[in-house]
Protein backbone atom coordinates (compact mmCIF):
# COMPACT_ATOMS: atom_id res chain seq x y z
CA ALA A 1 74.47 111.32 87.44
CA LEU A 2 77.70 110.29 89.13
CA LEU A 3 76.08 107.20 90.66
CA ARG A 4 74.51 106.20 87.34
CA ASP A 5 77.99 106.37 85.83
CA GLY A 6 79.41 103.98 88.43
CA LYS A 7 81.13 106.50 90.72
CA PHE A 8 81.23 106.05 94.50
CA ILE A 9 79.93 109.03 96.52
CA SER A 10 80.13 109.53 100.26
CA MET A 11 79.73 112.44 102.66
CA GLN A 12 81.24 112.79 106.10
CA THR A 13 79.46 115.27 108.33
CA ASN A 14 80.12 115.58 112.05
CA SER A 15 79.73 112.02 113.33
CA GLU A 16 77.84 110.59 110.34
CA MET A 17 79.10 108.95 107.16
CA TRP A 18 76.58 108.87 104.31
CA GLU A 19 77.15 106.52 101.39
CA PHE A 20 75.03 107.01 98.30
CA THR A 21 74.14 104.00 96.18
CA ILE A 22 71.52 102.88 93.71
CA GLU A 23 69.89 99.71 95.04
CA GLU A 24 66.73 97.77 94.35
CA ASP A 25 63.99 98.67 96.80
CA PRO A 26 62.06 95.54 97.88
CA ASN A 27 58.83 97.54 98.18
CA PHE A 28 58.95 99.03 94.69
CA LYS A 29 60.97 96.35 92.88
CA GLU A 30 62.88 99.24 91.29
CA LYS A 31 66.39 100.61 91.66
CA VAL A 32 66.27 103.79 93.72
CA LEU A 33 68.70 106.22 95.30
CA THR A 34 69.67 104.80 98.68
CA ILE A 35 71.55 106.58 101.45
CA ASN A 36 73.27 104.34 103.97
CA VAL A 37 74.10 106.22 107.18
CA ASP A 38 76.80 105.07 109.58
CA ILE A 39 77.07 106.80 112.96
CA GLU A 40 80.73 107.01 113.95
CA GLY A 41 80.35 108.34 117.48
CA ASN A 42 79.57 111.77 118.87
CA SER A 43 81.68 114.71 117.74
CA ASP A 44 81.70 117.93 119.73
CA ASP A 45 84.97 119.10 118.19
CA GLU A 46 84.45 122.44 116.35
CA GLU A 47 86.87 121.41 113.61
CA GLU A 48 84.70 118.42 112.78
CA LYS A 49 81.53 120.47 112.21
CA THR A 50 82.08 120.43 108.46
CA THR A 51 80.88 118.30 105.58
CA THR A 52 83.30 116.59 103.22
CA THR A 53 82.14 115.02 99.98
CA ARG A 54 84.20 112.29 98.32
CA VAL A 55 83.82 110.98 94.79
CA LYS A 56 85.82 107.85 93.94
CA ASN A 57 86.50 106.07 90.64
CA ILE A 58 86.72 109.32 88.71
CA GLU A 59 89.48 110.56 86.43
CA PHE A 60 90.55 114.21 86.40
CA ASN A 61 89.23 114.81 82.87
CA GLU A 62 85.89 113.27 83.88
CA TRP A 63 85.68 115.63 86.87
CA GLU A 64 86.41 118.61 84.60
CA GLU A 65 83.28 117.70 82.60
CA TYR A 66 81.09 116.84 85.60
CA LYS A 67 81.78 120.09 87.43
CA LYS A 68 80.35 122.05 84.50
CA CYS A 69 76.99 120.53 85.44
CA PHE A 70 76.89 122.47 88.73
CA LEU A 71 76.84 126.27 88.64
CA PHE A 72 78.14 126.54 92.20
CA LEU A 73 81.31 124.71 91.08
CA GLU A 74 81.71 126.47 87.72
CA PRO A 75 79.90 129.84 87.98
CA PRO A 76 79.52 131.97 84.85
CA LYS A 77 81.21 135.35 84.82
CA ASP A 78 78.33 137.18 83.13
CA ARG A 79 74.88 136.42 84.46
CA VAL A 80 71.77 138.32 85.44
CA LYS A 81 69.89 137.14 88.51
CA THR A 82 66.17 137.69 89.06
CA GLU A 83 63.50 136.10 91.23
CA LEU A 84 62.72 133.63 88.40
CA GLY A 85 66.28 132.55 87.75
CA GLU A 86 69.42 133.61 85.97
CA LEU A 87 70.24 134.41 82.38
CA LEU A 88 73.70 132.94 81.68
CA LEU A 89 75.43 135.13 79.12
CA ASP A 90 78.89 133.55 78.84
CA GLU A 91 79.32 131.83 75.48
CA ASP A 92 80.17 128.50 77.18
CA TYR A 93 76.65 128.41 78.65
CA ALA A 94 74.73 129.12 75.42
CA GLY A 95 71.75 126.78 75.10
CA LYS A 96 72.31 125.12 78.47
CA VAL A 97 69.36 124.79 80.83
CA TYR A 98 69.90 124.46 84.58
CA VAL A 99 67.35 124.09 87.34
CA LYS A 100 68.43 125.32 90.76
CA GLY A 101 72.03 125.35 89.55
CA ILE A 102 72.11 121.78 88.23
CA PHE A 103 72.42 121.04 84.50
CA VAL A 104 69.31 119.51 82.93
CA LYS A 105 69.46 119.89 79.16
CA LYS A 106 71.43 121.27 76.22
CA MET A 107 69.15 122.96 73.72
CA GLU A 108 69.93 123.00 70.00
CA GLU A 109 71.70 126.12 68.72
CA ASP A 110 68.59 127.44 66.98
CA GLU A 111 66.46 126.87 70.10
CA MET A 112 68.27 128.95 72.71
CA LYS A 113 71.07 131.48 72.26
CA VAL A 114 71.90 132.06 75.93
CA GLY A 115 71.90 129.81 78.96
CA ALA A 116 69.32 129.82 81.74
CA ASN A 117 69.18 128.71 85.33
CA PHE A 118 65.55 128.46 86.40
CA PHE A 119 64.73 128.48 90.09
CA HIS A 120 61.34 126.77 89.55
CA LEU A 121 60.75 124.41 86.63
CA PRO A 122 58.93 121.04 86.77
CA LEU A 123 61.24 118.09 86.02
CA ASP A 124 60.78 114.37 85.72
CA ARG A 125 61.64 112.06 88.62
CA ASP A 126 65.31 111.71 87.64
CA ARG A 127 65.83 115.44 86.83
CA ARG A 128 66.72 114.34 83.32
CA SER A 129 64.11 116.28 81.41
CA VAL A 130 61.53 119.00 81.64
CA LEU A 131 58.01 117.61 81.84
CA ASN A 132 56.61 120.04 79.25
CA SER A 133 58.94 121.51 76.60
CA ASN A 134 56.85 124.70 76.42
CA ASP A 135 57.74 125.30 80.08
CA ILE A 136 61.28 126.23 79.05
CA ASN A 137 60.02 128.73 76.48
CA ASN A 138 57.51 130.31 78.86
CA HIS A 139 59.99 130.50 81.72
CA ALA A 140 62.67 131.91 79.40
CA ALA A 141 60.31 134.66 78.21
CA GLY A 142 59.59 135.68 81.79
CA LEU A 143 63.27 135.53 82.65
CA TRP A 144 64.20 137.76 79.71
CA ALA A 145 61.53 140.30 80.71
CA ARG A 146 62.90 140.51 84.26
CA CYS A 147 66.51 140.65 83.09
CA LEU A 148 65.84 143.47 80.63
CA SER A 149 64.39 145.57 83.44
CA VAL A 150 67.67 145.37 85.39
CA ARG A 151 70.24 145.15 82.56
CA HIS A 152 69.32 147.64 79.84
CA ASP A 153 72.51 146.78 77.93
CA LEU A 154 70.85 143.48 76.93
CA ILE A 155 68.12 145.18 74.88
CA ASP A 156 70.21 145.13 71.68
CA LEU A 157 70.91 141.39 72.07
CA TYR A 158 67.24 140.73 72.77
CA PHE A 159 66.10 142.62 69.64
CA GLU A 160 68.76 140.88 67.57
CA LEU A 161 67.39 137.50 68.68
CA LEU A 162 63.80 138.62 68.03
CA SER A 163 64.58 139.94 64.55
CA ARG A 164 65.89 136.64 63.18
CA SER A 165 63.71 135.01 60.54
CA ILE A 166 63.05 132.22 63.05
CA PRO A 167 63.54 133.60 66.57
CA SER A 168 65.10 131.19 69.06
CA SER A 169 62.64 129.75 71.53
CA ASP A 170 64.11 131.66 74.46
CA VAL A 171 62.72 134.93 73.05
CA LYS A 172 59.74 134.06 70.86
CA PHE A 173 57.07 133.78 73.58
């Protein structure tokens, strides 16, 4: 997403500098993610055994919005973790769908009342959309079932969502 928006991204790790770009691939005649690696010598220094990520051409207010797309940068306070994923209960995450901690889609208010981070959900090539919209509903139903078994205090919320004249898609399956 950052690259598509014209930002410059690089990573320095040990003796390697990785620069991420979107360039046309001569084999595919398509623009693809390209990683240019520059070896800067051999580093045995313990202090240099870290990875630093740099994003250039970004304003502070832009970064404040981008970081909300990554749960590891902006973790919710109230969430329930299961083997299928996480139910995100903070109001700021309502209707937001993440896959492996990366934002994918904002559902309409009547579609999903809580947020979800699915650990396994098929996406298109660019991670921009779910291949089958029913996948979200089916995965959400399984996630709710697992979450209710570990957080009994959510039962009232679940029944409230089910009892609506048109239940939101995260609970109707």
